[in-house]
Amino acid sequence: MKITLTINGEQKVFNDRVPLSSLVDEDDKTIIAAKVNNRIRELSYEVYFDAEIEFLTTKDYDAVKIYETSLRYLVAMAMDRLYPGVEIHFSYSISRSIYMEILDKNIIVDEKLVLKLVKELDSLIDRNLPFTRKIVSNDQAAEFYQNNPTFQDKLAILKYRPEKTVHFYECDGYINYMYGYMVPTTGRLKKYKLMQYNGGILIRYPRSESNGKVPDFEDMPRYSHSLREAQDWAHKMNTNSVAGINDYIENGQAVELINMSEARHNDMLAELGKNIADNPDIRLIAIAGPSSSGKTTFANRLRIELMSRGLRPVRISIDDYYLNDDETPLDEDGKPDLESVDALDLALFNKNMLDLIEGKEVTLPRFDFKGRGRMVGRTLKVASDQPIIIEGIHALNEVMTSSIPAKNKFKIFISPQAQMNIDYDNPVSLTDLRLLRRLVRDYAYRNSSAEETIAMWPSVRKGEFKWIYATEEDADFVFNSFLPYELPVMRKVVIPLLRAIPYESEHFTVAERLLRLLKYFVDMDDEWIPNNSLIREFIGGSCFEEVK
């Protein structure tokens, strides 16, 4: 049997199946995994067919996912060595990091504990121990979990696994399962940083957007506080795990889950409305957040909330302030950079907003996206009880409203800040949640395939890191747009879209990862979801679809 492998453009012929690990320098610990015909494979995988192979490092997004999964395993293993039987909980946190909480309140996280953990991790890394995959039946996995008190959360999710087997990983006698691919040995996990944070430990790791390096720490107390609030609420409602959410649906309590989730949004809107209505100085309300956060529906619901308090808000579109194409700055590829704040007429926007706040009549521009030029828009004059609502990628950017006095502005950051886990060791990615929303919406309203949406996602993410996340700490209010029932509702739409992506597609790996998450949820019908729900912006049926 002869097979031909194309590696970095060079073809090599082999007479038998080839382990990927044999194709890389044994001393090169930078290679994390490989793509074999666009499918992610661990380095232990043996290729037995003609294939194109791309080796991945932490400069690659897919490799970072594997690195982070493996690092969580290693930290859990080290904690088990230091504190046998201890329960820990991982979640995604600030500064693009993992947050580890020790559930045993008798164990105090201090500098001594962190140094002790670092020493144990470094020892395991220096030994370059192999991660060995072991395939066991679901019954064997259940028996293992039952005999390990710290793994009861894994037992709860096991019944939703459609496959008949589980892929355990064993390392020096320690066994765990992290629902993802792993690096071949502990020696490839040298890049990490630990620090005390809010009573737990923040674990920082290499990121592809940082060119494979561990990003510098950026403290974000407001974001951290909002995540803690989300976690506390999810814990009280038993929606902090996939199994907990499934329980509501399987026990005939889907309506309760919907109403409870919507009540949470209503409460936040009521608090927000009171804050604004009680301060007559607030004249401009700015809303921003990453893609698929639900900004449009939120802005409409906030407008109604303020109307119920006697205010008469008006909405103005930032998009109408785009410069003409010949004035638009170019990106690194020489194409118009429509995501840049400099693509907007900042001077005109600031003048118009300030004039409106001062009670002057203003003729606003209107941007014609078909003709790619600016036209004359409506003439507007606002009264003191008419706050202006703006929303968009740059709404919280200070240069956007630099002429407006601080006392007249109220900034809102919106994002789905889910604090939900498959089990304690495996948090659900907030970014993947937004991508799933985007897949459903693009298909419903733009007839876009999953491949098309996934293809543009890296560019969307690049813009978010450049323009959005740095503004969150300047917000006066953070609105968590996550709804615990949304993945059970979206899965029946998005699973067929993801399965339609062909095996040979470069986007197959993303589809595969999302499908691995969605398979653990049960279906839920959308019949009882209110027509003003934020999730309606994505699945359809929103009462705001005709509202401009």
Protein backbone atom coordinates (compact mmCIF):
# COMPACT_ATOMS: atom_id res chain seq x y z
CA MET A 1 0.00 0.00 0.00
CA LYS A 2 1.44 3.34 -1.07
CA ILE A 3 0.14 6.68 0.14
CA THR A 4 1.12 10.18 -0.91
CA LEU A 5 1.21 12.94 1.69
CA THR A 6 1.53 16.60 0.76
CA ILE A 7 3.28 18.46 3.58
CA ASN A 8 3.91 22.19 3.18
CA GLY A 9 3.51 21.79 -0.57
CA GLU A 10 6.02 18.94 -0.78
CA GLN A 11 4.84 15.47 -1.75
CA LYS A 12 6.19 12.40 0.02
CA VAL A 13 5.36 8.75 -0.71
CA PHE A 14 5.11 6.14 2.05
CA ASN A 15 4.67 2.38 1.88
CA ASP A 16 2.47 2.07 4.98
CA ARG A 17 0.26 4.12 7.29
CA VAL A 18 2.10 7.06 8.88
CA PRO A 19 1.72 8.41 12.44
CA LEU A 20 1.57 12.22 12.29
CA SER A 21 4.03 12.38 15.18
CA SER A 22 6.69 10.72 12.99
CA LEU A 23 6.52 13.62 10.53
CA VAL A 24 7.64 16.26 13.02
CA ASP A 25 10.87 16.83 14.92
CA GLU A 26 10.58 15.10 18.29
CA ASP A 27 12.20 18.11 19.98
CA ASP A 28 9.80 20.59 18.40
CA LYS A 29 7.15 21.12 21.07
CA THR A 30 5.49 24.01 19.23
CA ILE A 31 3.39 21.74 16.98
CA ILE A 32 0.07 21.01 18.70
CA ALA A 33 -1.95 19.06 16.14
CA ALA A 34 -2.54 18.78 12.39
CA LYS A 35 -5.17 19.22 9.73
CA VAL A 36 -5.47 16.17 7.51
CA ASN A 37 -7.54 17.07 4.45
CA ASN A 38 -8.96 19.95 6.52
CA ARG A 39 -9.97 17.74 9.43
CA ILE A 40 -8.33 18.24 12.83
CA ARG A 41 -6.30 15.25 13.97
CA GLU A 42 -4.22 14.61 17.06
CA LEU A 43 -0.54 13.91 16.45
CA SER A 44 -1.11 10.29 17.50
CA TYR A 45 -3.34 9.81 14.43
CA GLU A 46 -2.08 7.45 11.72
CA VAL A 47 -2.70 8.53 8.12
CA TYR A 48 -3.56 5.62 5.80
CA PHE A 49 -4.73 7.50 2.67
CA ASP A 50 -3.51 10.20 0.30
CA ALA A 51 -3.77 13.49 2.14
CA GLU A 52 -2.72 17.10 2.43
CA ILE A 53 -1.29 17.82 5.87
CA GLU A 54 -0.97 21.15 7.69
CA PHE A 55 0.71 21.19 11.09
CA LEU A 56 -0.71 23.62 13.63
CA THR A 57 0.86 25.74 16.36
CA THR A 58 -0.60 28.17 18.88
CA LYS A 59 -0.59 30.76 16.10
CA ASP A 60 -3.57 28.82 14.68
CA TYR A 61 -7.05 29.19 16.16
CA ASP A 62 -7.86 25.47 16.00
CA ALA A 63 -4.60 24.60 17.79
CA VAL A 64 -5.33 27.09 20.58
CA LYS A 65 -8.60 25.26 21.28
CA ILE A 66 -6.65 22.02 21.70
CA TYR A 67 -3.99 23.71 23.82
CA GLU A 68 -6.59 25.23 26.14
CA THR A 69 -8.46 21.92 26.50
CA SER A 70 -5.21 20.11 27.34
CA LEU A 71 -4.17 22.80 29.80
CA ARG A 72 -7.46 22.48 31.68
CA TYR A 73 -6.84 18.73 31.90
CA LEU A 74 -3.33 19.33 33.25
CA VAL A 75 -4.52 21.84 35.86
CA ALA A 76 -7.25 19.44 36.99
CA MET A 77 -4.65 16.67 37.20
CA ALA A 78 -2.24 18.84 39.21
CA MET A 79 -5.02 19.88 41.62
CA ASP A 80 -5.95 16.22 42.09
CA ARG A 81 -2.32 15.45 42.95
CA LEU A 82 -2.08 18.33 45.43
CA TYR A 83 -5.57 18.03 46.94
CA PRO A 84 -6.98 14.54 46.27
CA GLY A 85 -10.76 14.59 45.87
CA VAL A 86 -11.00 18.38 45.53
CA GLU A 87 -13.79 19.73 43.32
CA ILE A 88 -12.94 22.57 40.95
CA HIS A 89 -14.94 24.53 38.41
CA PHE A 90 -13.64 26.10 35.20
CA SER A 91 -15.23 29.02 33.37
CA TYR A 92 -14.17 31.48 30.69
CA SER A 93 -13.23 34.82 32.13
CA ILE A 94 -11.61 38.19 31.59
CA SER A 95 -8.41 38.84 29.68
CA ARG A 96 -9.13 35.87 27.36
CA SER A 97 -8.42 33.47 30.23
CA ILE A 98 -9.84 30.52 32.14
CA TYR A 99 -11.01 31.05 35.70
CA MET A 100 -10.67 28.16 38.16
CA GLU A 101 -12.77 28.18 41.31
CA ILE A 102 -12.02 25.73 44.12
CA LEU A 103 -15.37 24.56 45.47
CA ASP A 104 -13.94 23.41 48.80
CA LYS A 105 -14.21 26.57 50.93
CA ASN A 106 -11.66 25.17 53.38
CA ILE A 107 -8.96 25.60 50.73
CA ILE A 108 -7.91 29.25 50.59
CA VAL A 109 -6.43 30.54 47.35
CA ASP A 110 -3.36 32.58 48.22
CA GLU A 111 0.07 33.17 46.74
CA LYS A 112 1.42 30.06 48.44
CA LEU A 113 -1.21 27.85 46.80
CA VAL A 114 -0.58 29.39 43.36
CA LEU A 115 3.18 28.81 43.66
CA LYS A 116 2.51 25.24 44.78
CA LEU A 117 0.28 24.65 41.75
CA VAL A 118 2.83 26.18 39.36
CA LYS A 119 5.54 23.91 40.77
CA GLU A 120 3.36 20.82 40.23
CA LEU A 121 2.41 21.89 36.70
CA ASP A 122 6.02 22.55 35.74
CA SER A 123 7.01 19.16 37.09
CA LEU A 124 4.36 17.41 34.99
CA ILE A 125 5.38 19.43 31.92
CA ASP A 126 9.09 18.71 32.38
CA ARG A 127 8.37 14.97 32.53
CA ASN A 128 6.79 15.18 29.05
CA LEU A 129 4.15 12.62 29.99
CA PRO A 130 1.97 11.18 27.20
CA PHE A 131 -1.79 11.65 27.02
CA THR A 132 -3.17 8.25 26.06
CA ARG A 133 -6.66 7.94 24.66
CA LYS A 134 -8.71 5.02 25.96
CA ILE A 135 -12.07 4.10 24.43
CA VAL A 136 -14.59 2.72 26.91
CA SER A 137 -18.30 1.99 26.71
CA ASN A 138 -20.82 4.40 28.19
CA ASP A 139 -21.60 1.84 30.88
CA GLN A 140 -17.92 1.61 31.82
CA ALA A 141 -17.69 5.40 31.89
CA ALA A 142 -20.77 5.58 34.13
CA GLU A 143 -19.25 3.06 36.53
CA PHE A 144 -16.01 5.06 36.64
CA TYR A 145 -17.87 8.30 37.36
CA GLN A 146 -20.02 6.68 40.05
CA ASN A 147 -16.88 5.48 41.84
CA ASN A 148 -15.36 8.97 41.76
CA PRO A 149 -17.32 11.48 43.89
CA THR A 150 -15.71 14.47 42.13
CA PHE A 151 -17.06 13.31 38.75
CA GLN A 152 -20.79 13.26 39.53
CA ASP A 153 -21.31 16.22 37.19
CA LYS A 154 -19.89 14.12 34.33
CA LEU A 155 -22.33 11.34 35.17
CA ALA A 156 -25.26 13.75 34.74
CA ILE A 157 -24.31 14.64 31.17
CA LEU A 158 -23.36 11.11 30.08
CA LYS A 159 -26.96 10.07 29.40
CA TYR A 160 -27.22 12.71 26.66
CA ARG A 161 -24.21 11.39 24.77
CA PRO A 162 -25.51 9.83 21.51
CA GLU A 163 -22.40 7.73 20.93
CA LYS A 164 -22.01 4.36 22.67
CA THR A 165 -18.41 5.01 23.72
CA VAL A 166 -16.40 7.64 25.61
CA HIS A 167 -12.83 8.67 24.84
CA PHE A 168 -11.09 8.91 28.20
CA TYR A 169 -7.56 10.30 28.39
CA GLU A 170 -5.05 8.82 30.82
CA CYS A 171 -1.89 10.58 31.95
CA ASP A 172 0.41 9.03 34.56
CA GLY A 173 -2.53 7.25 36.20
CA TYR A 174 -4.92 10.24 36.11
CA ILE A 175 -8.06 9.83 33.98
CA ASN A 176 -10.40 12.54 32.71
CA TYR A 177 -12.45 13.45 29.65
CA MET A 178 -12.45 17.01 28.26
CA TYR A 179 -14.77 16.70 25.20
CA GLY A 180 -12.08 17.71 22.75
CA TYR A 181 -8.78 16.88 21.11
CA MET A 182 -5.59 16.80 23.20
CA VAL A 183 -1.90 17.49 22.68
CA PRO A 184 0.26 14.33 22.63
CA THR A 185 2.35 15.07 25.73
CA THR A 186 2.46 17.42 28.71
CA GLY A 187 5.73 18.85 27.38
CA ARG A 188 3.81 20.88 24.81
CA LEU A 189 2.05 22.95 27.50
CA LYS A 190 4.90 25.16 28.66
CA LYS A 191 3.20 28.44 27.82
CA TYR A 192 0.84 29.46 30.61
CA LYS A 193 0.55 31.97 33.45
CA LEU A 194 -1.35 31.70 36.73
CA MET A 195 -2.47 34.43 39.10
CA GLN A 196 -4.84 34.95 42.02
CA TYR A 197 -8.04 36.66 41.02
CA ASN A 198 -11.31 37.21 42.91
CA GLY A 199 -10.80 34.27 45.24
CA GLY A 200 -9.85 31.86 42.46
CA ILE A 201 -7.07 31.37 39.93
CA LEU A 202 -6.86 32.95 36.50
CA ILE A 203 -5.18 30.71 33.91
CA ARG A 204 -3.79 32.51 30.88
CA TYR A 205 -2.66 30.65 27.79
CA PRO A 206 -1.42 31.37 24.23
CA ARG A 207 -3.87 32.93 21.80
CA SER A 208 -3.78 32.93 18.02
CA GLU A 209 -4.74 36.60 17.88
CA SER A 210 -1.61 37.28 19.97
CA ASN A 211 0.56 35.41 17.47
CA GLY A 212 0.76 32.34 19.68
CA LYS A 213 1.85 34.20 22.80
CA VAL A 214 0.19 34.54 26.20
CA PRO A 215 -1.52 37.96 26.09
CA ASP A 216 -0.68 40.55 28.72
CA PHE A 217 -3.12 40.62 31.62
CA GLU A 218 -5.86 43.24 31.34
CA ASP A 219 -7.96 43.71 34.43
CA MET A 220 -11.64 44.21 33.61
CA PRO A 221 -13.49 44.55 36.91
CA ARG A 222 -16.82 45.50 35.33
CA TYR A 223 -16.75 42.51 32.99
CA SER A 224 -15.63 40.25 35.82
CA HIS A 225 -18.51 41.47 38.00
CA SER A 226 -21.06 40.83 35.25
CA LEU A 227 -19.71 37.29 34.75
CA ARG A 228 -19.96 36.65 38.49
CA GLU A 229 -23.56 37.88 38.50
CA ALA A 230 -24.35 35.59 35.56
CA GLN A 231 -22.76 32.62 37.32
CA ASP A 232 -24.61 33.27 40.60
CA TRP A 233 -27.97 33.53 38.83
CA ALA A 234 -27.33 30.42 36.71
CA HIS A 235 -26.40 28.46 39.84
CA LYS A 236 -29.61 29.50 41.64
CA MET A 237 -31.76 28.57 38.64
CA ASN A 238 -29.90 25.30 37.87
CA THR A 239 -29.09 26.54 34.37
CA ASN A 240 -25.32 26.49 34.88
CA SER A 241 -25.02 23.09 33.18
CA VAL A 242 -26.30 21.48 30.01
CA ALA A 243 -27.87 18.69 32.09
CA GLY A 244 -29.69 21.24 34.26
CA ILE A 245 -31.19 22.96 31.20
CA ASN A 246 -32.18 19.60 29.70
CA ASP A 247 -33.89 18.66 32.96
CA TYR A 248 -36.32 21.57 32.62
CA ILE A 249 -37.30 20.50 29.12
CA GLU A 250 -37.56 16.76 29.83
CA ASN A 251 -39.61 17.37 32.97
CA GLY A 252 -42.22 19.36 31.08
CA GLN A 253 -41.01 22.69 32.43
CA ALA A 254 -39.97 24.34 29.17
CA VAL A 255 -42.50 27.15 29.68
CA GLU A 256 -41.10 27.80 33.14
CA LEU A 257 -37.57 27.90 31.71
CA ILE A 258 -38.64 30.39 29.04
CA ASN A 259 -40.54 32.66 31.42
CA MET A 260 -37.82 32.54 34.06
CA SER A 261 -35.19 33.49 31.48
CA GLU A 262 -37.32 36.27 30.03
CA ALA A 263 -38.09 37.58 33.53
CA ARG A 264 -34.35 37.97 34.07
CA HIS A 265 -34.14 40.17 30.96
CA ASN A 266 -37.21 42.12 32.06
CA ASP A 267 -35.64 42.76 35.45
CA MET A 268 -32.44 44.06 33.87
CA LEU A 269 -34.41 46.28 31.50
CA ALA A 270 -36.48 47.65 34.39
CA GLU A 271 -33.32 48.44 36.36
CA LEU A 272 -31.78 50.08 33.32
CA GLY A 273 -34.93 52.08 32.56
CA LYS A 274 -35.09 53.39 36.12
CA ASN A 275 -31.42 54.41 36.06
CA ILE A 276 -31.97 56.44 32.90
CA ALA A 277 -35.38 57.90 33.78
CA ASP A 278 -34.16 59.03 37.21
CA ASN A 279 -31.37 61.09 35.64
CA PRO A 280 -32.73 63.92 33.45
CA ASP A 281 -29.18 64.84 32.36
CA ILE A 282 -28.97 61.68 30.23
CA ARG A 283 -29.65 62.68 26.63
CA LEU A 284 -27.64 60.18 24.59
CA ILE A 285 -27.84 56.42 25.14
CA ALA A 286 -25.09 54.46 23.37
CA ILE A 287 -25.34 50.68 22.88
CA ALA A 288 -22.50 48.44 21.67
CA GLY A 289 -21.51 44.81 21.79
CA PRO A 290 -19.94 42.07 19.70
CA SER A 291 -21.67 40.43 16.75
CA SER A 292 -24.91 38.53 17.46
CA SER A 293 -25.37 40.01 20.91
CA GLY A 294 -28.96 41.05 20.14
CA LYS A 295 -28.35 44.80 19.93
CA THR A 296 -31.29 45.55 17.62
CA THR A 297 -33.96 43.84 19.72
CA PHE A 298 -32.42 45.19 22.91
CA ALA A 299 -32.53 48.77 21.57
CA ASN A 300 -36.21 48.35 20.68
CA ARG A 301 -37.07 46.88 24.07
CA LEU A 302 -35.16 49.63 25.86
CA ARG A 303 -37.05 52.22 23.84
CA ILE A 304 -40.37 50.74 25.00
CA GLU A 305 -39.14 50.46 28.59
CA LEU A 306 -38.30 54.17 28.55
CA MET A 307 -41.66 55.01 26.94
CA SER A 308 -43.38 53.23 29.84
CA ARG A 309 -41.59 55.70 32.13
CA GLY A 310 -42.85 58.77 30.31
CA LEU A 311 -39.89 59.33 28.00
CA ARG A 312 -40.07 59.54 24.19
CA PRO A 313 -36.76 58.17 22.92
CA VAL A 314 -35.66 58.50 19.30
CA ARG A 315 -33.25 56.24 17.43
CA ILE A 316 -30.53 57.50 15.13
CA SER A 317 -28.46 55.18 12.95
CA ILE A 318 -24.69 55.54 13.11
CA ASP A 319 -24.56 53.84 9.69
CA ASP A 320 -25.94 57.01 8.09
CA TYR A 321 -22.67 58.74 8.93
CA TYR A 322 -20.47 56.58 6.70
CA LEU A 323 -18.11 58.59 4.53
CA ASN A 324 -18.36 58.30 0.76
CA ASP A 325 -16.31 55.44 -0.68
CA ASP A 326 -13.53 57.72 -1.94
CA GLU A 327 -13.02 59.03 1.60
CA THR A 328 -13.09 55.65 3.38
CA PRO A 329 -9.77 54.44 4.87
CA LEU A 330 -8.26 51.26 3.45
CA ASP A 331 -7.38 48.08 5.34
CA GLU A 332 -4.10 46.16 5.08
CA ASP A 333 -5.37 44.51 1.88
CA GLY A 334 -6.09 47.84 0.22
CA LYS A 335 -9.87 47.42 0.51
CA PRO A 336 -12.28 49.94 2.11
CA ASP A 337 -12.22 49.35 5.87
CA LEU A 338 -15.88 49.82 6.77
CA GLU A 339 -15.28 48.58 10.33
CA SER A 340 -12.85 51.40 11.13
CA VAL A 341 -14.17 54.26 13.23
CA ASP A 342 -12.45 56.52 10.71
CA ALA A 343 -14.90 55.31 8.06
CA LEU A 344 -17.49 57.50 9.80
CA ASP A 345 -17.88 61.27 9.66
CA LEU A 346 -17.09 61.79 13.33
CA ALA A 347 -17.11 65.58 13.18
CA LEU A 348 -20.58 65.70 11.63
CA PHE A 349 -21.95 63.07 14.00
CA ASN A 350 -20.68 64.94 17.07
CA LYS A 351 -22.04 68.25 15.77
CA ASN A 352 -25.45 66.78 14.99
CA MET A 353 -25.77 65.07 18.37
CA LEU A 354 -24.65 68.13 20.31
CA ASP A 355 -27.00 70.40 18.35
CA LEU A 356 -29.91 68.03 19.03
CA ILE A 357 -29.14 67.89 22.74
CA GLU A 358 -29.06 71.70 22.81
CA GLY A 359 -32.55 71.79 21.29
CA LYS A 360 -31.60 72.81 17.76
CA GLU A 361 -33.29 71.53 14.62
CA VAL A 362 -30.96 69.27 12.63
CA THR A 363 -31.16 67.75 9.17
CA LEU A 364 -29.59 64.31 9.46
CA PRO A 365 -27.76 62.48 6.68
CA ARG A 366 -28.93 59.19 5.19
CA PHE A 367 -26.46 56.76 3.66
CA ASP A 368 -27.56 55.02 0.48
CA PHE A 369 -25.88 51.61 0.61
CA LYS A 370 -26.91 50.74 -2.94
CA GLY A 371 -25.56 53.95 -4.43
CA ARG A 372 -22.67 54.00 -1.94
CA GLY A 373 -23.11 57.65 -1.02
CA ARG A 374 -24.60 59.98 1.53
CA MET A 375 -27.93 61.75 0.95
CA VAL A 376 -30.10 64.23 2.81
CA GLY A 377 -32.18 62.53 5.50
CA ARG A 378 -34.91 63.56 7.91
CA THR A 379 -35.05 66.82 9.83
CA LEU A 380 -35.28 66.32 13.57
CA LYS A 381 -35.66 68.33 16.75
CA VAL A 382 -35.78 66.61 20.14
CA ALA A 383 -37.28 67.75 23.42
CA SER A 384 -35.80 67.27 26.88
CA ASP A 385 -37.84 64.08 27.37
CA GLN A 386 -36.51 62.54 24.16
CA PRO A 387 -33.20 60.76 24.79
CA ILE A 388 -31.35 59.70 21.64
CA ILE A 389 -30.52 56.00 21.24
CA ILE A 390 -27.59 54.97 19.07
CA GLU A 391 -26.21 51.46 18.61
CA GLY A 392 -23.32 49.97 16.71
CA ILE A 393 -19.77 48.68 16.82
CA HIS A 394 -18.35 52.12 17.73
CA ALA A 395 -21.17 53.45 19.90
CA LEU A 396 -19.09 53.29 23.11
CA ASN A 397 -15.91 54.57 21.47
CA GLU A 398 -15.20 57.92 23.09
CA VAL A 399 -14.17 59.53 19.78
CA MET A 400 -17.67 58.79 18.53
CA THR A 401 -19.21 61.17 21.08
CA SER A 402 -16.21 63.24 22.19
CA SER A 403 -18.13 66.53 21.95
CA ILE A 404 -20.95 65.32 24.20
CA PRO A 405 -20.50 66.11 27.93
CA ALA A 406 -20.05 62.97 30.04
CA LYS A 407 -23.10 63.79 32.17
CA ASN A 408 -25.30 63.63 29.06
CA LYS A 409 -24.16 60.14 28.00
CA PHE A 410 -25.16 56.70 29.20
CA LYS A 411 -23.19 53.77 27.76
CA ILE A 412 -24.51 50.20 27.61
CA PHE A 413 -22.50 47.12 26.67
CA ILE A 414 -24.49 44.06 25.60
CA SER A 415 -23.21 40.51 25.17
CA PRO A 416 -24.41 36.95 25.92
CA GLN A 417 -22.32 36.24 29.00
CA ALA A 418 -23.27 32.61 29.47
CA GLN A 419 -21.85 30.84 32.48
CA MET A 420 -22.76 27.34 31.42
CA ASN A 421 -20.74 24.12 31.48
CA ILE A 422 -20.98 20.68 29.96
CA ASP A 423 -19.50 19.65 33.29
CA TYR A 424 -17.32 21.40 35.88
CA ASP A 425 -14.16 20.86 33.81
CA ASN A 426 -15.65 22.00 30.50
CA PRO A 427 -17.20 25.46 30.06
CA VAL A 428 -19.21 26.39 26.97
CA SER A 429 -17.52 29.00 24.78
CA LEU A 430 -19.24 32.40 24.69
CA THR A 431 -17.82 32.98 21.21
CA ASP A 432 -19.26 29.71 19.90
CA LEU A 433 -22.64 30.70 21.31
CA ARG A 434 -22.61 33.94 19.30
CA LEU A 435 -21.45 32.10 16.19
CA LEU A 436 -24.40 29.71 16.49
CA ARG A 437 -26.77 32.68 16.76
CA ARG A 438 -25.15 34.20 13.68
CA LEU A 439 -25.49 30.94 11.71
CA VAL A 440 -29.21 30.75 12.44
CA ARG A 441 -29.86 34.42 11.65
CA ASP A 442 -27.79 34.50 8.46
CA TYR A 443 -29.63 31.46 7.15
CA ALA A 444 -33.07 32.83 8.08
CA TYR A 445 -32.64 36.41 6.84
CA ARG A 446 -29.81 36.31 4.28
CA ASN A 447 -30.14 32.76 2.96
CA SER A 448 -26.45 32.30 3.81
CA SER A 449 -24.98 28.85 4.15
CA ALA A 450 -23.12 27.82 7.30
CA GLU A 451 -19.91 27.78 5.26
CA GLU A 452 -20.37 31.41 4.23
CA THR A 453 -21.01 32.55 7.80
CA ILE A 454 -18.10 30.59 9.25
CA ALA A 455 -15.80 31.91 6.50
CA MET A 456 -16.43 35.52 7.52
CA TRP A 457 -16.31 34.88 11.28
CA PRO A 458 -12.52 35.39 11.70
CA SER A 459 -12.86 38.85 10.15
CA VAL A 460 -15.77 39.62 12.49
CA ARG A 461 -13.71 38.51 15.48
CA LYS A 462 -10.75 40.60 14.35
CA GLY A 463 -12.96 43.69 14.31
CA GLU A 464 -14.33 42.87 17.76
CA PHE A 465 -10.88 42.67 19.31
CA LYS A 466 -9.85 45.89 17.60
CA TRP A 467 -12.91 48.03 18.22
CA ILE A 468 -15.32 46.60 20.81
CA TYR A 469 -13.85 44.79 23.81
CA ALA A 470 -11.70 47.68 24.97
CA THR A 471 -14.85 49.81 25.39
CA GLU A 472 -16.71 47.49 27.79
CA GLU A 473 -15.05 48.85 30.91
CA ASP A 474 -16.31 52.33 30.03
CA ALA A 475 -19.92 51.15 30.07
CA ASP A 476 -22.38 52.40 32.67
CA PHE A 477 -24.38 49.18 32.42
CA VAL A 478 -23.63 45.67 31.14
CA PHE A 479 -26.62 43.74 29.79
CA ASN A 480 -26.28 39.96 29.67
CA SER A 481 -28.29 38.89 26.61
CA PHE A 482 -27.92 35.13 27.15
CA LEU A 483 -31.07 33.04 27.43
CA PRO A 484 -30.52 29.55 28.93
CA TYR A 485 -33.02 27.92 26.58
CA GLU A 486 -31.58 29.29 23.32
CA LEU A 487 -29.32 26.37 22.34
CA PRO A 488 -32.11 23.76 22.70
CA VAL A 489 -34.25 25.97 20.46
CA MET A 490 -31.59 26.72 17.82
CA ARG A 491 -30.09 23.23 17.56
CA LYS A 492 -32.79 21.76 15.31
CA VAL A 493 -32.15 24.59 12.82
CA VAL A 494 -28.39 24.79 12.99
CA ILE A 495 -27.46 21.08 13.10
CA PRO A 496 -28.61 20.42 9.49
CA LEU A 497 -26.74 23.57 8.37
CA LEU A 498 -23.52 22.36 9.96
CA ARG A 499 -23.93 18.82 8.65
CA ALA A 500 -24.26 20.24 5.13
CA ILE A 501 -20.65 21.45 5.23
CA PRO A 502 -18.67 18.91 3.20
CA TYR A 503 -15.91 16.88 4.74
CA GLU A 504 -13.29 18.41 2.45
CA SER A 505 -14.24 22.01 3.36
CA GLU A 506 -11.73 24.13 5.25
CA HIS A 507 -14.61 25.03 7.58
CA PHE A 508 -15.46 21.43 8.45
CA THR A 509 -13.38 21.60 11.65
CA VAL A 510 -15.50 24.46 13.05
CA ALA A 511 -18.71 22.64 12.13
CA GLU A 512 -17.43 19.49 13.82
CA ARG A 513 -16.63 21.39 17.03
CA LEU A 514 -20.05 23.04 17.17
CA LEU A 515 -21.81 19.74 16.52
CA ARG A 516 -19.91 18.17 19.42
CA LEU A 517 -21.47 20.80 21.70
CA LEU A 518 -25.00 20.76 20.30
CA LYS A 519 -25.39 16.98 20.55
CA TYR A 520 -25.67 17.20 24.35
CA PHE A 521 -28.78 19.39 24.29
CA VAL A 522 -32.33 18.15 23.81
CA ASP A 523 -34.70 19.88 21.39
CA MET A 524 -37.14 22.52 22.58
CA ASP A 525 -39.99 24.01 20.57
CA ASP A 526 -40.19 27.79 20.18
CA GLU A 527 -44.01 27.95 20.45
CA TRP A 528 -44.08 29.66 23.83
CA ILE A 529 -41.21 32.12 23.29
CA PRO A 530 -42.58 35.70 23.42
CA ASN A 531 -42.48 37.64 20.16
CA ASN A 532 -40.43 40.39 21.81
CA SER A 533 -37.78 37.95 23.07
CA LEU A 534 -34.22 38.77 22.15
CA ILE A 535 -33.75 35.30 20.64
CA ARG A 536 -36.50 36.09 18.10
CA GLU A 537 -33.96 38.37 16.39
CA PHE A 538 -32.19 35.17 15.32
CA ILE A 539 -34.84 32.47 14.97
CA GLY A 540 -37.54 34.74 13.51
CA GLY A 541 -41.02 35.77 14.61
CA SER A 542 -39.98 39.02 16.28
CA CYS A 543 -42.58 41.74 16.68
CA PHE A 544 -39.76 44.21 15.98
CA GLU A 545 -38.92 42.95 12.48
CA GLU A 546 -40.64 45.92 10.82
CA VAL A 547 -39.48 48.49 13.38
CA LYS A 548 -36.86 50.87 12.05
